Amino acid sequence: MDYLGKGEVLTNTDLDRFTDMQSWEEQSQGAIYTVEYACSAVKSMTNSSLYFKNIDGLLRQAISLKEQISSSQGRRL
């Protein structure tokens, strides 16, 4: 291995420590990716709030028009 000098021997304890560190690094990288992905998703949702407000307004307008149509049809009968 590149980490050993001449004449150094890798013991089981060293190997265990090395594999533990590799595992910890992999888990850390996975956690960092998860947090970055979650932050990106929240940012996207925040940026979408304007679109949701527009949809809400259009739905309210459609409901109002539907009620007006139903009301005018009721008067005709």
Protein backbone atom coordinates (compact mmCIF):
# COMPACT_ATOMS: atom_id res chain seq x y z
CA MET A 1 0.00 0.00 0.00
CA ASP A 2 1.09 3.57 -0.60
CA TYR A 3 0.63 4.49 3.06
CA LEU A 4 3.32 2.16 4.35
CA GLY A 5 6.99 3.02 4.47
CA LYS A 6 9.76 0.54 3.79
CA GLY A 7 9.75 -2.31 6.23
CA GLU A 8 6.38 -1.38 7.78
CA VAL A 9 3.85 -4.13 8.25
CA LEU A 10 0.10 -3.69 8.07
CA THR A 11 -1.50 -5.29 11.13
CA ASN A 12 -5.06 -6.51 11.45
CA THR A 13 -5.81 -3.53 13.69
CA ASP A 14 -4.48 -1.16 11.03
CA LEU A 15 -6.50 -2.93 8.36
CA ASP A 16 -9.64 -2.78 10.50
CA ARG A 17 -9.06 0.91 11.14
CA PHE A 18 -8.51 1.52 7.42
CA THR A 19 -11.69 -0.31 6.40
CA ASP A 20 -13.63 1.51 9.13
CA MET A 21 -12.39 4.84 7.77
CA GLN A 22 -13.32 3.85 4.22
CA SER A 23 -16.79 2.86 5.38
CA TRP A 24 -17.18 6.11 7.34
CA GLU A 25 -16.08 8.12 4.29
CA GLU A 26 -18.59 6.32 2.04
CA GLN A 27 -21.39 6.86 4.55
CA SER A 28 -20.45 10.53 4.92
CA GLN A 29 -20.44 11.05 1.17
CA GLY A 30 -23.86 9.38 0.95
CA ALA A 31 -25.23 11.58 3.73
CA ILE A 32 -23.83 14.72 2.09
CA TYR A 33 -25.42 13.75 -1.23
CA THR A 34 -28.77 13.13 0.50
CA VAL A 35 -28.69 16.51 2.24
CA GLU A 36 -27.72 18.33 -0.96
CA TYR A 37 -30.51 16.56 -2.86
CA ALA A 38 -33.05 17.44 -0.16
CA CYS A 39 -31.92 21.09 -0.16
CA SER A 40 -32.28 21.19 -3.93
CA ALA A 41 -35.80 19.73 -3.70
CA VAL A 42 -36.84 22.29 -1.07
CA LYS A 43 -35.41 25.11 -3.18
CA SER A 44 -37.34 23.86 -6.21
CA MET A 45 -40.54 23.72 -4.19
CA THR A 46 -39.95 27.25 -2.90
CA ASN A 47 -39.37 28.50 -6.44
CA SER A 48 -42.61 26.77 -7.49
CA SER A 49 -44.79 28.66 -5.01
CA LEU A 50 -45.67 31.30 -7.61
CA TYR A 51 -46.94 28.57 -9.95
CA PHE A 52 -49.00 26.99 -7.16
CA LYS A 53 -50.53 30.40 -6.37
CA ASN A 54 -51.45 30.83 -10.04
CA ILE A 55 -53.03 27.36 -10.10
CA ASP A 56 -54.95 28.17 -6.91
CA GLY A 57 -56.28 31.38 -8.47
CA LEU A 58 -57.31 29.61 -11.66
CA LEU A 59 -59.09 26.86 -9.73
CA ARG A 60 -60.97 29.43 -7.63
CA GLN A 61 -61.95 31.27 -10.80
CA ALA A 62 -63.15 28.03 -12.42
CA ILE A 63 -65.24 27.15 -9.34
CA SER A 64 -66.77 30.61 -9.35
CA LEU A 65 -67.65 30.37 -13.06
CA LYS A 66 -69.13 26.90 -12.52
CA GLU A 67 -71.31 28.26 -9.70
CA GLN A 68 -72.44 31.17 -11.91
CA ILE A 69 -73.34 28.78 -14.73
CA SER A 70 -75.22 26.48 -12.35
CA SER A 71 -77.05 29.46 -10.86
CA SER A 72 -78.07 30.88 -14.25
CA GLN A 73 -79.27 27.47 -15.42
CA GLY A 74 -81.37 27.14 -12.26
CA ARG A 75 -83.12 30.45 -12.97
CA ARG A 76 -84.04 29.39 -16.51
CA LEU A 77 -85.93 26.34 -15.31
